[in-house]
PDB file of N, CA and C in Angstrom:
ATOM      1  N   MET A   1      14.360 158.828 148.267  1.00  0.00           N
ATOM      2  CA  MET A   1      15.165 159.734 149.075  1.00  0.00           C
ATOM      3  C   MET A   1      16.559 159.160 149.309  1.00  0.00           C
ATOM      4  N   ARG A   2      16.632 157.883 149.621  1.00  0.00           N
ATOM      5  CA  ARG A   2      17.931 157.278 149.894  1.00  0.00           C
ATOM      6  C   ARG A   2      18.807 157.256 148.647  1.00  0.00           C
ATOM      7  N   LYS A   3      18.183 157.008 147.492  1.00  0.00           N
ATOM      8  CA  LYS A   3      18.969 156.989 146.255  1.00  0.00           C
ATOM      9  C   LYS A   3      19.561 158.360 145.964  1.00  0.00           C
ATOM     10  N   SER A   4      18.804 159.408 146.211  1.00  0.00           N
ATOM     11  CA  SER A   4      19.328 160.748 145.945  1.00  0.00           C
ATOM     12  C   SER A   4      20.492 161.072 146.888  1.00  0.00           C
ATOM     13  N   ILE A   5      20.422 160.643 148.134  1.00  0.00           N
ATOM     14  CA  ILE A   5      21.522 160.864 149.075  1.00  0.00           C
ATOM     15  C   ILE A   5      22.757 160.087 148.630  1.00  0.00           C
ATOM     16  N   ILE A   6      22.561 158.867 148.181  1.00  0.00           N
ATOM     17  CA  ILE A   6      23.684 158.062 147.704  1.00  0.00           C
ATOM     18  C   ILE A   6      24.322 158.708 146.475  1.00  0.00           C
ATOM     19  N   TYR A   7      23.484 159.216 145.569  1.00  0.00           N
ATOM     20  CA  TYR A   7      24.012 159.881 144.373  1.00  0.00           C
ATOM     21  C   TYR A   7      24.781 161.152 144.731  1.00  0.00           C
ATOM     22  N   ILE A   8      24.280 161.905 145.688  1.00  0.00           N
ATOM     23  CA  ILE A   8      24.971 163.122 146.118  1.00  0.00           C
ATOM     24  C   ILE A   8      26.327 162.773 146.730  1.00  0.00           C
ATOM     25  N   LEU A   9      26.368 161.750 147.573  1.00  0.00           N
ATOM     26  CA  LEU A   9      27.644 161.333 148.174  1.00  0.00           C
ATOM     27  C   LEU A   9      28.619 160.840 147.116  1.00  0.00           C
ATOM     28  N   LEU A  10      28.128 160.059 146.173  1.00  0.00           N
ATOM     29  CA  LEU A  10      28.985 159.552 145.110  1.00  0.00           C
ATOM     30  C   LEU A  10      29.516 160.684 144.247  1.00  0.00           C
ATOM     31  N   LEU A  11      28.669 161.627 143.909  1.00  0.00           N
ATOM     32  CA  LEU A  11      29.088 162.764 143.098  1.00  0.00           C
ATOM     33  C   LEU A  11      30.116 163.627 143.831  1.00  0.00           C
ATOM     34  N   SER A  12      29.905 163.869 145.108  1.00  0.00           N
ATOM     35  CA  SER A  12      30.861 164.678 145.878  1.00  0.00           C
ATOM     36  C   SER A  12      32.207 163.969 146.007  1.00  0.00           C
ATOM     37  N   PHE A  13      32.195 162.648 146.127  1.00  0.00           N
ATOM     38  CA  PHE A  13      33.452 161.907 146.205  1.00  0.00           C
ATOM     39  C   PHE A  13      34.196 161.957 144.876  1.00  0.00           C
ATOM     40  N   LEU A  14      33.481 161.830 143.775  1.00  0.00           N
ATOM     41  CA  LEU A  14      34.121 161.825 142.461  1.00  0.00           C
ATOM     42  C   LEU A  14      34.644 163.198 142.059  1.00  0.00           C
ATOM     43  N   LEU A  15      34.050 164.255 142.555  1.00  0.00           N
ATOM     44  CA  LEU A  15      34.448 165.599 142.154  1.00  0.00           C
ATOM     45  C   LEU A  15      35.429 166.270 143.121  1.00  0.00           C
ATOM     46  N   GLN A  16      35.896 165.549 144.101  1.00  0.00           N
ATOM     47  CA  GLN A  16      36.826 166.159 145.042  1.00  0.00           C
ATOM     48  C   GLN A  16      38.191 166.378 144.397  1.00  0.00           C
ATOM     49  N   SER A  17      38.920 167.320 144.905  1.00  0.00           N
ATOM     50  CA  SER A  17      40.244 167.637 144.392  1.00  0.00           C
ATOM     51  C   SER A  17      41.280 167.230 145.427  1.00  0.00           C
ATOM     52  N   CYS A  18      42.193 166.365 145.032  1.00  0.00           N
ATOM     53  CA  CYS A  18      43.214 165.883 145.954  1.00  0.00           C
ATOM     54  C   CYS A  18      44.492 166.711 145.869  1.00  0.00           C
ATOM     55  N   TYR A  19      44.536 167.662 144.973  1.00  0.00           N
ATOM     56  CA  TYR A  19      45.742 168.436 144.756  1.00  0.00           C
ATOM     57  C   TYR A  19      45.466 169.920 144.923  1.00  0.00           C
ATOM     58  N   SER A  20      46.500 170.626 145.368  1.00  0.00           N
ATOM     59  CA  SER A  20      46.452 172.076 145.411  1.00  0.00           C
ATOM     60  C   SER A  20      47.730 172.589 144.762  1.00  0.00           C
ATOM     61  N   TYR A  21      47.741 173.849 144.412  1.00  0.00           N
ATOM     62  CA  TYR A  21      48.898 174.455 143.764  1.00  0.00           C
ATOM     63  C   TYR A  21      49.464 175.537 144.663  1.00  0.00           C
ATOM     64  N   ARG A  22      50.795 175.501 144.850  1.00  0.00           N
ATOM     65  CA  ARG A  22      51.478 176.490 145.686  1.00  0.00           C
ATOM     66  C   ARG A  22      52.395 177.339 144.830  1.00  0.00           C
ATOM     67  N   LEU A  23      52.359 178.630 145.078  1.00  0.00           N
ATOM     68  CA  LEU A  23      53.167 179.585 144.318  1.00  0.00           C
ATOM     69  C   LEU A  23      54.648 179.366 144.609  1.00  0.00           C
ATOM     70  N   ILE A  24      55.456 179.288 143.542  1.00  0.00           N
ATOM     71  CA  ILE A  24      56.905 179.165 143.691  1.00  0.00           C
ATOM     72  C   ILE A  24      57.575 180.283 142.918  1.00  0.00           C
ATOM     73  N   ASP A  25      58.839 180.498 143.183  1.00  0.00           N
ATOM     74  CA  ASP A  25      59.615 181.521 142.503  1.00  0.00           C
ATOM     75  C   ASP A  25      59.986 181.044 141.104  1.00  0.00           C
ATOM     76  N   LYS A  26      59.947 181.955 140.131  1.00  0.00           N
ATOM     77  CA  LYS A  26      60.295 181.602 138.751  1.00  0.00           C
ATOM     78  C   LYS A  26      61.725 181.100 138.632  1.00  0.00           C
ATOM     79  N   ASP A  27      62.592 181.612 139.468  1.00  0.00           N
ATOM     80  CA  ASP A  27      64.016 181.264 139.385  1.00  0.00           C
ATOM     81  C   ASP A  27      64.351 179.994 140.155  1.00  0.00           C
ATOM     82  N   SER A  28      63.373 179.394 140.809  1.00  0.00           N
ATOM     83  CA  SER A  28      63.649 178.191 141.580  1.00  0.00           C
ATOM     84  C   SER A  28      63.835 176.997 140.650  1.00  0.00           C
ATOM     85  N   GLU A  29      64.273 175.911 141.238  1.00  0.00           N
ATOM     86  CA  GLU A  29      64.528 174.684 140.481  1.00  0.00           C
ATOM     87  C   GLU A  29      63.207 174.068 140.034  1.00  0.00           C
ATOM     88  N   LEU A  30      63.004 173.965 138.727  1.00  0.00           N
ATOM     89  CA  LEU A  30      61.815 173.331 138.168  1.00  0.00           C
ATOM     90  C   LEU A  30      62.157 171.894 137.827  1.00  0.00           C
ATOM     91  N   ALA A  31      61.298 170.969 138.225  1.00  0.00           N
ATOM     92  CA  ALA A  31      61.554 169.548 138.022  1.00  0.00           C
ATOM     93  C   ALA A  31      60.852 169.073 136.745  1.00  0.00           C
ATOM     94  N   VAL A  32      61.617 168.442 135.873  1.00  0.00           N
ATOM     95  CA  VAL A  32      61.073 167.906 134.633  1.00  0.00           C
ATOM     96  C   VAL A  32      60.138 166.737 134.968  1.00  0.00           C
ATOM     97  N   GLY A  33      58.975 166.709 134.337  1.00  0.00           N
ATOM     98  CA  GLY A  33      58.000 165.647 134.568  1.00  0.00           C
ATOM     99  C   GLY A  33      56.940 165.995 135.594  1.00  0.00           C
ATOM    100  N   LYS A  34      57.130 167.057 136.346  1.00  0.00           N
ATOM    101  CA  LYS A  34      56.155 167.473 137.364  1.00  0.00           C
ATOM    102  C   LYS A  34      55.095 168.369 136.730  1.00  0.00           C
ATOM    103  N   LYS A  35      53.947 168.487 137.422  1.00  0.00           N
ATOM    104  CA  LYS A  35      52.855 169.311 136.917  1.00  0.00           C
ATOM    105  C   LYS A  35      52.885 170.682 137.580  1.00  0.00           C
ATOM    106  N   TYR A  36      52.642 171.706 136.759  1.00  0.00           N
ATOM    107  CA  TYR A  36      52.648 173.089 137.209  1.00  0.00           C
ATOM    108  C   TYR A  36      51.432 173.803 136.640  1.00  0.00           C
ATOM    109  N   LYS A  37      51.097 174.930 137.272  1.00  0.00           N
ATOM    110  CA  LYS A  37      50.086 175.834 136.736  1.00  0.00           C
ATOM    111  C   LYS A  37      50.832 177.124 136.423  1.00  0.00           C
ATOM    112  N   ILE A  38      50.864 177.491 135.136  1.00  0.00           N
ATOM    113  CA  ILE A  38      51.644 178.635 134.679  1.00  0.00           C
ATOM    114  C   ILE A  38      50.697 179.756 134.266  1.00  0.00           C
ATOM    115  N   GLN A  39      50.997 180.976 134.738  1.00  0.00           N
ATOM    116  CA  GLN A  39      50.195 182.137 134.365  1.00  0.00           C
ATOM    117  C   GLN A  39      50.981 183.014 133.408  1.00  0.00           C
ATOM    118  N   GLN A  40      50.368 183.290 132.256  1.00  0.00           N
ATOM    119  CA  GLN A  40      50.897 184.254 131.299  1.00  0.00           C
ATOM    120  C   GLN A  40      49.820 185.311 131.144  1.00  0.00           C
ATOM    121  N   SER A  41      50.141 186.553 131.389  1.00  0.00           N
ATOM    122  CA  SER A  41      49.185 187.661 131.462  1.00  0.00           C
ATOM    123  C   SER A  41      48.070 187.272 132.444  1.00  0.00           C
ATOM    124  N   ASN A  42      46.858 187.008 131.986  1.00  0.00           N
ATOM    125  CA  ASN A  42      45.763 186.655 132.909  1.00  0.00           C
ATOM    126  C   ASN A  42      45.309 185.217 132.768  1.00  0.00           C
ATOM    127  N   ASP A  43      45.955 184.429 131.921  1.00  0.00           N
ATOM    128  CA  ASP A  43      45.531 183.061 131.652  1.00  0.00           C
ATOM    129  C   ASP A  43      46.398 182.050 132.386  1.00  0.00           C
ATOM    130  N   TYR A  44      45.739 181.100 133.083  1.00  0.00           N
ATOM    131  CA  TYR A  44      46.434 179.991 133.720  1.00  0.00           C
ATOM    132  C   TYR A  44      46.327 178.761 132.841  1.00  0.00           C
ATOM    133  N   GLU A  45      47.418 177.975 132.775  1.00  0.00           N
ATOM    134  CA  GLU A  45      47.420 176.702 132.059  1.00  0.00           C
ATOM    135  C   GLU A  45      48.020 175.641 132.972  1.00  0.00           C
ATOM    136  N   LYS A  46      47.357 174.495 133.046  1.00  0.00           N
ATOM    137  CA  LYS A  46      47.909 173.361 133.787  1.00  0.00           C
ATOM    138  C   LYS A  46      48.732 172.548 132.807  1.00  0.00           C
ATOM    139  N   VAL A  47      50.024 172.380 133.121  1.00  0.00           N
ATOM    140  CA  VAL A  47      50.951 171.745 132.182  1.00  0.00           C
ATOM    141  C   VAL A  47      51.870 170.772 132.907  1.00  0.00           C
ATOM    142  N   ARG A  48      52.488 169.890 132.123  1.00  0.00           N
ATOM    143  CA  ARG A  48      53.550 169.010 132.609  1.00  0.00           C
ATOM    144  C   ARG A  48      54.850 169.511 131.983  1.00  0.00           C
ATOM    145  N   LEU A  49      55.862 169.715 132.799  1.00  0.00           N
ATOM    146  CA  LEU A  49      57.132 170.262 132.330  1.00  0.00           C
ATOM    147  C   LEU A  49      57.954 169.191 131.627  1.00  0.00           C
ATOM    148  N   LEU A  50      58.390 169.498 130.389  1.00  0.00           N
ATOM    149  CA  LEU A  50      59.182 168.553 129.607  1.00  0.00           C
ATOM    150  C   LEU A  50      60.673 168.884 129.622  1.00  0.00           C
ATOM    151  N   SER A  51      61.015 170.182 129.476  1.00  0.00           N
ATOM    152  CA  SER A  51      62.431 170.572 129.519  1.00  0.00           C
ATOM    153  C   SER A  51      62.551 172.029 129.934  1.00  0.00           C
ATOM    154  N   VAL A  52      63.738 172.360 130.470  1.00  0.00           N
ATOM    155  CA  VAL A  52      63.994 173.706 130.972  1.00  0.00           C
ATOM    156  C   VAL A  52      65.333 174.176 130.433  1.00  0.00           C
ATOM    157  N   SER A  53      65.384 175.410 129.931  1.00  0.00           N
ATOM    158  CA  SER A  53      66.656 176.054 129.590  1.00  0.00           C
ATOM    159  C   SER A  53      66.679 177.400 130.305  1.00  0.00           C
ATOM    160  N   ASP A  54      67.720 178.190 130.071  1.00  0.00           N
ATOM    161  CA  ASP A  54      67.830 179.478 130.757  1.00  0.00           C
ATOM    162  C   ASP A  54      66.720 180.448 130.363  1.00  0.00           C
ATOM    163  N   SER A  55      66.304 180.434 129.099  1.00  0.00           N
ATOM    164  CA  SER A  55      65.335 181.417 128.633  1.00  0.00           C
ATOM    165  C   SER A  55      63.970 180.846 128.265  1.00  0.00           C
ATOM    166  N   THR A  56      63.853 179.533 128.105  1.00  0.00           N
ATOM    167  CA  THR A  56      62.572 178.936 127.718  1.00  0.00           C
ATOM    168  C   THR A  56      62.296 177.669 128.509  1.00  0.00           C
ATOM    169  N   ILE A  57      61.022 177.317 128.534  1.00  0.00           N
ATOM    170  CA  ILE A  57      60.616 176.014 129.062  1.00  0.00           C
ATOM    171  C   ILE A  57      59.686 175.375 128.032  1.00  0.00           C
ATOM    172  N   THR A  58      59.761 174.065 127.933  1.00  0.00           N
ATOM    173  CA  THR A  58      58.871 173.323 127.050  1.00  0.00           C
ATOM    174  C   THR A  58      57.926 172.525 127.919  1.00  0.00           C
ATOM    175  N   VAL A  59      56.634 172.663 127.614  1.00  0.00           N
ATOM    176  CA  VAL A  59      55.601 172.020 128.420  1.00  0.00           C
ATOM    177  C   VAL A  59      54.684 171.189 127.535  1.00  0.00           C
ATOM    178  N   ASN A  60      53.986 170.264 128.167  1.00  0.00           N
ATOM    179  CA  ASN A  60      52.999 169.430 127.503  1.00  0.00           C
ATOM    180  C   ASN A  60      51.641 169.841 128.060  1.00  0.00           C
ATOM    181  N   LYS A  61      50.800 170.454 127.191  1.00  0.00           N
ATOM    182  CA  LYS A  61      49.483 170.916 127.633  1.00  0.00           C
ATOM    183  C   LYS A  61      48.472 169.784 127.675  1.00  0.00           C
ATOM    184  N   SER A  62      48.465 168.965 126.660  1.00  0.00           N
ATOM    185  CA  SER A  62      47.590 167.800 126.614  1.00  0.00           C
ATOM    186  C   SER A  62      48.416 166.647 126.057  1.00  0.00           C
ATOM    187  N   LYS A  63      47.784 165.554 125.702  1.00  0.00           N
ATOM    188  CA  LYS A  63      48.545 164.365 125.306  1.00  0.00           C
ATOM    189  C   LYS A  63      49.494 164.606 124.135  1.00  0.00           C
ATOM    190  N   ASN A  64      49.076 165.362 123.129  1.00  0.00           N
ATOM    191  CA  ASN A  64      49.914 165.550 121.941  1.00  0.00           C
ATOM    192  C   ASN A  64      50.240 167.007 121.662  1.00  0.00           C
ATOM    193  N   SER A  65      50.086 167.866 122.627  1.00  0.00           N
ATOM    194  CA  SER A  65      50.272 169.294 122.408  1.00  0.00           C
ATOM    195  C   SER A  65      51.441 169.825 123.239  1.00  0.00           C
ATOM    196  N   GLN A  66      52.570 170.074 122.582  1.00  0.00           N
ATOM    197  CA  GLN A  66      53.729 170.660 123.254  1.00  0.00           C
ATOM    198  C   GLN A  66      53.787 172.144 122.941  1.00  0.00           C
ATOM    199  N   LYS A  67      54.334 172.900 123.897  1.00  0.00           N
ATOM    200  CA  LYS A  67      54.421 174.346 123.738  1.00  0.00           C
ATOM    201  C   LYS A  67      55.700 174.831 124.385  1.00  0.00           C
ATOM    202  N   THR A  68      56.389 175.752 123.714  1.00  0.00           N
ATOM    203  CA  THR A  68      57.590 176.375 124.272  1.00  0.00           C
ATOM    204  C   THR A  68      57.223 177.773 124.737  1.00  0.00           C
ATOM    205  N   ILE A  69      57.563 178.080 125.994  1.00  0.00           N
ATOM    206  CA  ILE A  69      57.206 179.356 126.604  1.00  0.00           C
ATOM    207  C   ILE A  69      58.475 180.070 127.040  1.00  0.00           C
ATOM    208  N   ALA A  70      58.573 181.344 126.725  1.00  0.00           N
ATOM    209  CA  ALA A  70      59.700 182.156 127.188  1.00  0.00           C
ATOM    210  C   ALA A  70      59.521 182.442 128.675  1.00  0.00           C
ATOM    211  N   VAL A  71      60.598 182.304 129.431  1.00  0.00           N
ATOM    212  CA  VAL A  71      60.537 182.504 130.883  1.00  0.00           C
ATOM    213  C   VAL A  71      60.127 183.937 131.207  1.00  0.00           C
ATOM    214  N   LYS A  72      60.537 184.903 130.386  1.00  0.00           N
ATOM    215  CA  LYS A  72      60.190 186.305 130.651  1.00  0.00           C
ATOM    216  C   LYS A  72      58.697 186.577 130.501  1.00  0.00           C
ATOM    217  N   ASP A  73      57.967 185.715 129.766  1.00  0.00           N
ATOM    218  CA  ASP A  73      56.527 185.887 129.574  1.00  0.00           C
ATOM    219  C   ASP A  73      55.699 185.297 130.704  1.00  0.00           C
ATOM    220  N   ILE A  74      56.322 184.547 131.594  1.00  0.00           N
ATOM    221  CA  ILE A  74      55.608 183.892 132.686  1.00  0.00           C
ATOM    222  C   ILE A  74      55.435 184.869 133.847  1.00  0.00           C
ATOM    223  N   THR A  75      54.182 185.032 134.282  1.00  0.00           N
ATOM    224  CA  THR A  75      53.882 185.912 135.405  1.00  0.00           C
ATOM    225  C   THR A  75      54.031 185.177 136.730  1.00  0.00           C
ATOM    226  N   LYS A  76      53.409 183.985 136.830  1.00  0.00           N
ATOM    227  CA  LYS A  76      53.471 183.183 138.053  1.00  0.00           C
ATOM    228  C   LYS A  76      53.602 181.711 137.688  1.00  0.00           C
ATOM    229  N   ILE A  77      54.245 180.967 138.581  1.00  0.00           N
ATOM    230  CA  ILE A  77      54.314 179.514 138.458  1.00  0.00           C
ATOM    231  C   ILE A  77      53.864 178.918 139.783  1.00  0.00           C
ATOM    232  N   LYS A  78      52.942 177.959 139.696  1.00  0.00           N
ATOM    233  CA  LYS A  78      52.479 177.254 140.881  1.00  0.00           C
ATOM    234  C   LYS A  78      52.757 175.770 140.691  1.00  0.00           C
ATOM    235  N   LYS A  79      53.323 175.146 141.729  1.00  0.00           N
ATOM    236  CA  LYS A  79      53.654 173.728 141.679  1.00  0.00           C
ATOM    237  C   LYS A  79      52.538 172.928 142.330  1.00  0.00           C
ATOM    238  N   ARG A  80      52.211 171.776 141.739  1.00  0.00           N
ATOM    239  CA  ARG A  80      51.134 170.943 142.258  1.00  0.00           C
ATOM    240  C   ARG A  80      51.628 170.124 143.447  1.00  0.00           C
ATOM    241  N   HIS A  81      50.841 170.144 144.514  1.00  0.00           N
ATOM    242  CA  HIS A  81      51.131 169.382 145.735  1.00  0.00           C
ATOM    243  C   HIS A  81      49.912 168.560 146.111  1.00  0.00           C
ATOM    244  N   PHE A  82      50.156 167.367 146.628  1.00  0.00           N
ATOM    245  CA  PHE A  82      49.075 166.525 147.129  1.00  0.00           C
ATOM    246  C   PHE A  82      48.544 167.131 148.410  1.00  0.00           C
ATOM    247  N   SER A  83      47.238 167.276 148.511  1.00  0.00           N
ATOM    248  CA  SER A  83      46.616 167.906 149.660  1.00  0.00           C
ATOM    249  C   SER A  83      45.865 166.864 150.489  1.00  0.00           C
ATOM    250  N   VAL A  84      46.404 166.537 151.659  1.00  0.00           N
ATOM    251  CA  VAL A  84      45.773 165.567 152.548  1.00  0.00           C
ATOM    252  C   VAL A  84      44.464 166.124 153.089  1.00  0.00           C
ATOM    253  N   ILE A  85      44.433 167.403 153.364  1.00  0.00           N
ATOM    254  CA  ILE A  85      43.234 168.022 153.934  1.00  0.00           C
ATOM    255  C   ILE A  85      42.066 167.924 152.955  1.00  0.00           C
ATOM    256  N   LYS A  86      42.310 168.285 151.692  1.00  0.00           N
ATOM    257  CA  LYS A  86      41.235 168.205 150.704  1.00  0.00           C
ATOM    258  C   LYS A  86      40.810 166.769 150.462  1.00  0.00           C
ATOM    259  N   THR A  87      41.748 165.858 150.505  1.00  0.00           N
ATOM    260  CA  THR A  87      41.431 164.460 150.245  1.00  0.00           C
ATOM    261  C   THR A  87      40.610 163.852 151.367  1.00  0.00           C
ATOM    262  N   ALA A  88      40.962 164.132 152.599  1.00  0.00           N
ATOM    263  CA  ALA A  88      40.316 163.476 153.738  1.00  0.00           C
ATOM    264  C   ALA A  88      39.109 164.250 154.272  1.00  0.00           C
ATOM    265  N   LEU A  89      39.258 165.544 154.455  1.00  0.00           N
ATOM    266  CA  LEU A  89      38.222 166.294 155.158  1.00  0.00           C
ATOM    267  C   LEU A  89      37.035 166.688 154.288  1.00  0.00           C
ATOM    268  N   LEU A  90      37.237 166.893 153.011  1.00  0.00           N
ATOM    269  CA  LEU A  90      36.128 167.302 152.156  1.00  0.00           C
ATOM    270  C   LEU A  90      35.035 166.239 152.094  1.00  0.00           C
ATOM    271  N   PRO A  91      35.353 164.978 151.780  1.00  0.00           N
ATOM    272  CA  PRO A  91      34.268 163.981 151.768  1.00  0.00           C
ATOM    273  C   PRO A  91      33.647 163.760 153.141  1.00  0.00           C
ATOM    274  N   VAL A  92      34.449 163.826 154.191  1.00  0.00           N
ATOM    275  CA  VAL A  92      33.914 163.650 155.543  1.00  0.00           C
ATOM    276  C   VAL A  92      32.953 164.788 155.874  1.00  0.00           C
ATOM    277  N   GLY A  93      33.331 166.010 155.525  1.00  0.00           N
ATOM    278  CA  GLY A  93      32.452 167.159 155.770  1.00  0.00           C
ATOM    279  C   GLY A  93      31.154 167.058 154.998  1.00  0.00           C
ATOM    280  N   ILE A  94      31.240 166.647 153.747  1.00  0.00           N
ATOM    281  CA  ILE A  94      30.033 166.483 152.934  1.00  0.00           C
ATOM    282  C   ILE A  94      29.157 165.378 153.519  1.00  0.00           C
ATOM    283  N   LEU A  95      29.775 164.303 153.954  1.00  0.00           N
ATOM    284  CA  LEU A  95      29.021 163.198 154.555  1.00  0.00           C
ATOM    285  C   LEU A  95      28.294 163.654 155.811  1.00  0.00           C
ATOM    286  N   VAL A  96      28.938 164.448 156.641  1.00  0.00           N
ATOM    287  CA  VAL A  96      28.316 164.948 157.869  1.00  0.00           C
ATOM    288  C   VAL A  96      27.125 165.843 157.536  1.00  0.00           C
ATOM    289  N   VAL A  97      27.288 166.729 156.556  1.00  0.00           N
ATOM    290  CA  VAL A  97      26.194 167.628 156.174  1.00  0.00           C
ATOM    291  C   VAL A  97      25.009 166.837 155.626  1.00  0.00           C
ATOM    292  N   VAL A  98      25.272 165.882 154.744  1.00  0.00           N
ATOM    293  CA  VAL A  98      24.195 165.082 154.161  1.00  0.00           C
ATOM    294  C   VAL A  98      23.514 164.236 155.237  1.00  0.00           C
ATOM    295  N   ALA A  99      24.286 163.654 156.141  1.00  0.00           N
ATOM    296  CA  ALA A  99      23.692 162.863 157.222  1.00  0.00           C
ATOM    297  C   ALA A  99      22.836 163.756 158.123  1.00  0.00           C
ATOM    298  N   GLY A 100      23.297 164.960 158.388  1.00  0.00           N
ATOM    299  CA  GLY A 100      22.510 165.896 159.196  1.00  0.00           C
ATOM    300  C   GLY A 100      21.205 166.276 158.513  1.00  0.00           C
ATOM    301  N   LEU A 101      21.272 166.551 157.209  1.00  0.00           N
ATOM    302  CA  LEU A 101      20.055 166.878 156.465  1.00  0.00           C
ATOM    303  C   LEU A 101      19.089 165.700 156.441  1.00  0.00           C
ATOM    304  N   ALA A 102      19.617 164.492 156.249  1.00  0.00           N
ATOM    305  CA  ALA A 102      18.767 163.302 156.240  1.00  0.00           C
ATOM    306  C   ALA A 102      18.110 163.105 157.600  1.00  0.00           C
ATOM    307  N   THR A 103      18.842 163.340 158.675  1.00  0.00           N
ATOM    308  CA  THR A 103      18.294 163.214 160.027  1.00  0.00           C
ATOM    309  C   THR A 103      17.185 164.231 160.255  1.00  0.00           C
ATOM    310  N   ILE A 104      17.399 165.452 159.805  1.00  0.00           N
ATOM    311  CA  ILE A 104      16.374 166.499 159.965  1.00  0.00           C
ATOM    312  C   ILE A 104      15.109 166.122 159.192  1.00  0.00           C
ATOM    313  N   ILE A 105      15.287 165.599 157.985  1.00  0.00           N
ATOM    314  CA  ILE A 105      14.128 165.194 157.174  1.00  0.00           C
ATOM    315  C   ILE A 105      13.376 164.052 157.845  1.00  0.00           C
ATOM    316  N   VAL A 106      14.092 163.065 158.348  1.00  0.00           N
ATOM    317  CA  VAL A 106      13.448 161.921 159.010  1.00  0.00           C
ATOM    318  C   VAL A 106      12.713 162.383 160.269  1.00  0.00           C
ATOM    319  N   ILE A 107      13.320 163.237 161.050  1.00  0.00           N
ATOM    320  CA  ILE A 107      12.687 163.735 162.284  1.00  0.00           C
ATOM    321  C   ILE A 107      11.453 164.551 161.943  1.00  0.00           C
ATOM    322  N   SER A 108      11.526 165.412 160.935  1.00  0.00           N
ATOM    323  CA  SER A 108      10.356 166.221 160.577  1.00  0.00           C
ATOM    324  C   SER A 108       9.232 165.358 160.029  1.00  0.00           C
ATOM    325  N   ASN A 109       9.561 164.289 159.288  1.00  0.00           N
ATOM    326  CA  ASN A 109       8.531 163.388 158.787  1.00  0.00           C
ATOM    327  C   ASN A 109       7.899 162.578 159.921  1.00  0.00           C
ATOM    328  N   SER A 110       8.696 162.155 160.883  1.00  0.00           N
ATOM    329  CA  SER A 110       8.151 161.376 162.000  1.00  0.00           C
ATOM    330  C   SER A 110       7.283 162.249 162.891  1.00  0.00           C
ATOM    331  N   ASN A 111       7.620 163.521 163.053  1.00  0.00           N
ATOM    332  CA  ASN A 111       6.784 164.436 163.849  1.00  0.00           C
ATOM    333  C   ASN A 111       5.446 164.683 163.172  1.00  0.00           C
ATOM    334  N   SER A 112       5.435 164.759 161.851  1.00  0.00           N
ATOM    335  CA  SER A 112       4.181 165.025 161.147  1.00  0.00           C
ATOM    336  C   SER A 112       3.279 163.786 161.163  1.00  0.00           C
ATOM    337  N   ILE A 113       3.839 162.593 161.287  1.00  0.00           N
ATOM    338  CA  ILE A 113       3.049 161.367 161.342  1.00  0.00           C
ATOM    339  C   ILE A 113       2.299 161.282 162.676  1.00  0.00           C
ATOM    340  N   TYR A 114       2.931 161.681 163.773  1.00  0.00           N
ATOM    341  CA  TYR A 114       2.336 161.564 165.091  1.00  0.00           C
ATOM    342  C   TYR A 114       1.306 162.654 165.384  1.00  0.00           C
ATOM    343  N   LYS A 115       1.194 163.666 164.574  1.00  0.00           N
ATOM    344  CA  LYS A 115       0.229 164.750 164.854  1.00  0.00           C
ATOM    345  C   LYS A 115      -1.130 164.424 164.355  1.00  0.00           C
TER     346      LYS A 115
END
């Protein structure tokens, strides 16, 4: 039982997301080297911005994959921001829930022993 609780806590810590994406205006200042989530039609892509011109942007999708996108084809742009709330509160909340479940299990097992 204890090993499964430890594995659940470890898995929840490893899968947490420390970043969130906030919607920005297409015409706003885009910073080269920053990460963005770009929507074209219905598809979102997480990219790193390499260069910006008036009509196109060049992005890096993966380590060796560059892509040039026309600004007019972009529906939405979201900029990546570090999220303190997701970083701090998510693991704490999961820990509280798991500790509560473990306490309930221990109490129910101890009650069944005394009967």
